[in-house]
Amino acid sequence: MTRWTCPDCGREFGRTRQGHECAPALSLEEYFSTGPERERPIFEAVHGHLSSLGDVYVEPVSVGIFFKIHTTFAQLRPMTKWVALSFFS
């Protein structure tokens, strides 16, 4: 599948000119350096499972972590007392 890279923020998408909040992705190290320690083991468990199903592209952004194959299909988003896991179809 051809991926489109936004020329302004450098994020990758499954569709050309995909609408998005234009903010650069973070590295995993940058993302985890700003949040609570409880997020990392949750990410590792979810990423481990999703990766066992096939190739997954991980995109950390300021609001959470997106898991993509062709488009975003899952998201981890930190909340006040938990980490929300959402799936998209």
N, C-alpha and C. Protein backbone atom coordinates (compact mmCIF):
# COMPACT_ATOMS: atom_id res chain seq x y z
N MET A 1 0.84 -1.19 0.00
CA MET A 1 0.00 0.00 0.00
C MET A 1 0.88 1.24 0.00
N THR A 2 0.54 2.20 -0.82
CA THR A 2 1.27 3.46 -0.87
C THR A 2 0.84 4.33 0.31
N ARG A 3 1.82 4.89 0.98
CA ARG A 3 1.53 5.78 2.10
C ARG A 3 1.85 7.20 1.67
N TRP A 4 1.09 8.15 2.20
CA TRP A 4 1.33 9.56 1.93
C TRP A 4 1.95 10.19 3.16
N THR A 5 2.98 10.98 2.98
CA THR A 5 3.63 11.69 4.08
C THR A 5 3.29 13.17 3.97
N CYS A 6 2.74 13.72 5.05
CA CYS A 6 2.40 15.14 5.08
C CYS A 6 3.70 15.95 4.97
N PRO A 7 3.79 16.87 4.02
CA PRO A 7 5.02 17.65 3.87
C PRO A 7 5.26 18.63 5.02
N ASP A 8 4.22 18.94 5.79
CA ASP A 8 4.38 19.91 6.89
C ASP A 8 4.80 19.26 8.20
N CYS A 9 4.15 18.14 8.57
CA CYS A 9 4.46 17.53 9.87
C CYS A 9 5.24 16.23 9.76
N GLY A 10 5.32 15.64 8.56
CA GLY A 10 6.10 14.42 8.38
C GLY A 10 5.40 13.14 8.79
N ARG A 11 4.11 13.21 9.21
CA ARG A 11 3.39 11.99 9.59
C ARG A 11 2.92 11.25 8.34
N GLU A 12 2.77 9.92 8.47
CA GLU A 12 2.37 9.07 7.35
C GLU A 12 0.90 8.69 7.46
N PHE A 13 0.22 8.64 6.30
CA PHE A 13 -1.19 8.31 6.24
C PHE A 13 -1.46 7.37 5.08
N GLY A 14 -2.58 6.66 5.13
CA GLY A 14 -2.96 5.73 4.08
C GLY A 14 -3.60 6.40 2.88
N ARG A 15 -4.02 7.66 3.02
CA ARG A 15 -4.65 8.39 1.92
C ARG A 15 -3.92 9.70 1.66
N THR A 16 -3.84 10.06 0.40
CA THR A 16 -3.24 11.34 0.03
C THR A 16 -4.08 12.48 0.59
N ARG A 17 -3.41 13.46 1.16
CA ARG A 17 -4.03 14.64 1.74
C ARG A 17 -5.04 14.31 2.85
N GLN A 18 -4.74 13.28 3.61
CA GLN A 18 -5.59 12.89 4.73
C GLN A 18 -5.73 14.07 5.70
N GLY A 19 -6.97 14.40 6.06
CA GLY A 19 -7.19 15.45 7.04
C GLY A 19 -6.64 15.01 8.40
N HIS A 20 -5.97 15.90 9.09
CA HIS A 20 -5.39 15.56 10.39
C HIS A 20 -4.97 16.82 11.12
N GLU A 21 -4.76 16.69 12.43
CA GLU A 21 -4.15 17.78 13.18
C GLU A 21 -2.67 17.74 12.86
N CYS A 22 -2.19 18.76 12.23
CA CYS A 22 -0.83 18.76 11.71
C CYS A 22 0.16 19.04 12.84
N ALA A 23 0.59 17.97 13.47
CA ALA A 23 1.58 18.05 14.54
C ALA A 23 2.54 16.90 14.34
N PRO A 24 3.82 17.12 14.50
CA PRO A 24 4.78 16.05 14.24
C PRO A 24 4.64 14.89 15.22
N ALA A 25 4.91 13.70 14.70
CA ALA A 25 4.94 12.52 15.56
C ALA A 25 6.16 12.61 16.48
N LEU A 26 6.10 11.88 17.57
CA LEU A 26 7.20 11.83 18.53
C LEU A 26 7.89 10.48 18.40
N SER A 27 9.08 10.37 18.92
CA SER A 27 9.69 9.05 19.08
C SER A 27 9.06 8.42 20.32
N LEU A 28 9.16 7.11 20.45
CA LEU A 28 8.63 6.48 21.66
C LEU A 28 9.31 7.02 22.90
N GLU A 29 10.60 7.28 22.82
CA GLU A 29 11.34 7.81 23.97
C GLU A 29 10.81 9.19 24.37
N GLU A 30 10.57 10.05 23.37
CA GLU A 30 10.02 11.38 23.66
C GLU A 30 8.64 11.26 24.29
N TYR A 31 7.80 10.39 23.72
CA TYR A 31 6.44 10.23 24.23
C TYR A 31 6.45 9.76 25.68
N PHE A 32 7.19 8.70 25.97
CA PHE A 32 7.16 8.13 27.32
C PHE A 32 7.89 9.00 28.35
N SER A 33 8.72 9.91 27.93
CA SER A 33 9.41 10.79 28.88
C SER A 33 8.47 11.83 29.49
N THR A 34 7.28 12.01 28.91
CA THR A 34 6.37 13.05 29.39
C THR A 34 5.18 12.51 30.18
N GLY A 35 4.98 11.20 30.21
CA GLY A 35 3.79 10.64 30.84
C GLY A 35 4.10 9.79 32.05
N PRO A 36 3.05 9.28 32.68
CA PRO A 36 3.24 8.41 33.84
C PRO A 36 3.87 7.07 33.46
N GLU A 37 4.62 6.50 34.39
CA GLU A 37 5.33 5.24 34.13
C GLU A 37 4.39 4.09 33.81
N ARG A 38 3.14 4.15 34.27
CA ARG A 38 2.20 3.05 34.05
C ARG A 38 1.86 2.84 32.58
N GLU A 39 2.13 3.84 31.73
CA GLU A 39 1.78 3.72 30.31
C GLU A 39 2.67 2.74 29.56
N ARG A 40 3.95 2.68 29.88
CA ARG A 40 4.90 1.87 29.09
C ARG A 40 4.55 0.39 29.10
N PRO A 41 4.29 -0.24 30.28
CA PRO A 41 3.97 -1.67 30.24
C PRO A 41 2.66 -1.97 29.52
N ILE A 42 1.72 -1.04 29.57
CA ILE A 42 0.46 -1.22 28.84
C ILE A 42 0.74 -1.18 27.34
N PHE A 43 1.53 -0.21 26.90
CA PHE A 43 1.92 -0.13 25.49
C PHE A 43 2.62 -1.41 25.06
N GLU A 44 3.58 -1.88 25.86
CA GLU A 44 4.35 -3.07 25.49
C GLU A 44 3.43 -4.28 25.31
N ALA A 45 2.44 -4.44 26.19
CA ALA A 45 1.52 -5.57 26.09
C ALA A 45 0.65 -5.46 24.84
N VAL A 46 0.07 -4.28 24.61
CA VAL A 46 -0.79 -4.08 23.43
C VAL A 46 0.03 -4.20 22.15
N HIS A 47 1.18 -3.56 22.10
CA HIS A 47 2.03 -3.62 20.90
C HIS A 47 2.48 -5.05 20.63
N GLY A 48 2.84 -5.78 21.67
CA GLY A 48 3.25 -7.17 21.50
C GLY A 48 2.16 -8.01 20.88
N HIS A 49 0.93 -7.84 21.35
CA HIS A 49 -0.18 -8.62 20.81
C HIS A 49 -0.48 -8.21 19.37
N LEU A 50 -0.61 -6.90 19.12
CA LEU A 50 -0.95 -6.45 17.77
C LEU A 50 0.14 -6.83 16.77
N SER A 51 1.39 -6.76 17.17
CA SER A 51 2.50 -7.13 16.28
C SER A 51 2.50 -8.62 15.95
N SER A 52 1.95 -9.43 16.85
CA SER A 52 1.88 -10.87 16.58
C SER A 52 0.88 -11.18 15.47
N LEU A 53 0.01 -10.21 15.15
CA LEU A 53 -1.00 -10.40 14.11
C LEU A 53 -0.51 -9.94 12.74
N GLY A 54 0.60 -9.21 12.69
CA GLY A 54 1.14 -8.71 11.42
C GLY A 54 1.92 -7.44 11.65
N ASP A 55 2.43 -6.88 10.55
CA ASP A 55 3.20 -5.64 10.64
C ASP A 55 2.32 -4.48 11.08
N VAL A 56 2.76 -3.77 12.09
CA VAL A 56 2.02 -2.63 12.63
C VAL A 56 2.96 -1.43 12.67
N TYR A 57 2.48 -0.29 12.20
CA TYR A 57 3.21 0.97 12.26
C TYR A 57 2.76 1.70 13.51
N VAL A 58 3.68 2.10 14.37
CA VAL A 58 3.38 2.78 15.63
C VAL A 58 3.70 4.26 15.47
N GLU A 59 2.72 5.11 15.81
CA GLU A 59 2.91 6.55 15.68
C GLU A 59 2.53 7.25 16.99
N PRO A 60 3.52 7.57 17.84
CA PRO A 60 3.23 8.33 19.05
C PRO A 60 3.03 9.81 18.70
N VAL A 61 1.96 10.39 19.21
CA VAL A 61 1.70 11.83 19.07
C VAL A 61 1.38 12.36 20.46
N SER A 62 1.19 13.64 20.59
CA SER A 62 1.03 14.24 21.92
C SER A 62 -0.17 13.71 22.70
N VAL A 63 -1.22 13.26 22.02
CA VAL A 63 -2.44 12.81 22.71
C VAL A 63 -2.49 11.31 22.95
N GLY A 64 -1.56 10.54 22.39
CA GLY A 64 -1.59 9.10 22.57
C GLY A 64 -0.74 8.40 21.52
N ILE A 65 -0.97 7.10 21.38
CA ILE A 65 -0.20 6.30 20.43
C ILE A 65 -1.17 5.65 19.45
N PHE A 66 -0.93 5.88 18.16
CA PHE A 66 -1.74 5.28 17.12
C PHE A 66 -1.06 4.03 16.59
N PHE A 67 -1.85 3.00 16.33
CA PHE A 67 -1.38 1.78 15.68
C PHE A 67 -2.02 1.74 14.30
N LYS A 68 -1.18 1.60 13.27
CA LYS A 68 -1.67 1.66 11.89
C LYS A 68 -1.20 0.46 11.10
N ILE A 69 -2.05 0.04 10.18
CA ILE A 69 -1.64 -0.89 9.12
C ILE A 69 -1.76 -0.09 7.83
N HIS A 70 -2.96 0.08 7.32
CA HIS A 70 -3.17 0.98 6.18
C HIS A 70 -3.64 2.33 6.71
N THR A 71 -4.52 2.28 7.69
CA THR A 71 -5.00 3.48 8.38
C THR A 71 -4.95 3.18 9.88
N THR A 72 -5.27 4.15 10.70
CA THR A 72 -5.29 3.92 12.14
C THR A 72 -6.39 2.92 12.47
N PHE A 73 -6.04 1.87 13.20
CA PHE A 73 -7.05 0.89 13.60
C PHE A 73 -7.14 0.75 15.12
N ALA A 74 -6.17 1.28 15.84
CA ALA A 74 -6.22 1.21 17.30
C ALA A 74 -5.47 2.41 17.87
N GLN A 75 -5.85 2.77 19.09
CA GLN A 75 -5.24 3.93 19.73
C GLN A 75 -5.16 3.70 21.23
N LEU A 76 -4.03 4.03 21.81
CA LEU A 76 -3.88 4.09 23.27
C LEU A 76 -3.87 5.56 23.64
N ARG A 77 -4.76 5.93 24.56
CA ARG A 77 -4.83 7.33 24.97
C ARG A 77 -4.85 7.41 26.49
N PRO A 78 -3.87 8.10 27.08
CA PRO A 78 -3.84 8.20 28.54
C PRO A 78 -4.98 9.06 29.06
N MET A 79 -5.62 8.57 30.10
CA MET A 79 -6.68 9.31 30.79
C MET A 79 -6.15 9.63 32.19
N THR A 80 -6.97 10.24 33.01
CA THR A 80 -6.52 10.62 34.35
C THR A 80 -6.09 9.43 35.19
N LYS A 81 -6.90 8.35 35.20
CA LYS A 81 -6.61 7.21 36.07
C LYS A 81 -6.42 5.90 35.31
N TRP A 82 -6.45 5.93 34.00
CA TRP A 82 -6.30 4.71 33.22
C TRP A 82 -5.77 5.06 31.83
N VAL A 83 -5.55 4.03 31.03
CA VAL A 83 -5.17 4.21 29.63
C VAL A 83 -6.28 3.58 28.80
N ALA A 84 -6.91 4.38 27.94
CA ALA A 84 -8.00 3.90 27.11
C ALA A 84 -7.45 3.26 25.84
N LEU A 85 -7.99 2.10 25.49
CA LEU A 85 -7.65 1.41 24.25
C LEU A 85 -8.88 1.44 23.36
N SER A 86 -8.78 2.03 22.19
CA SER A 86 -9.90 2.13 21.25
C SER A 86 -9.52 1.45 19.95
N PHE A 87 -10.53 0.82 19.33
CA PHE A 87 -10.34 0.20 18.02
C PHE A 87 -11.24 0.88 17.01
N PHE A 88 -10.77 1.01 15.77
CA PHE A 88 -11.52 1.65 14.69
C PHE A 88 -11.64 0.68 13.53
N SER A 89 -12.73 0.80 12.80
CA SER A 89 -12.88 -0.06 11.61
C SER A 89 -13.03 0.77 10.37
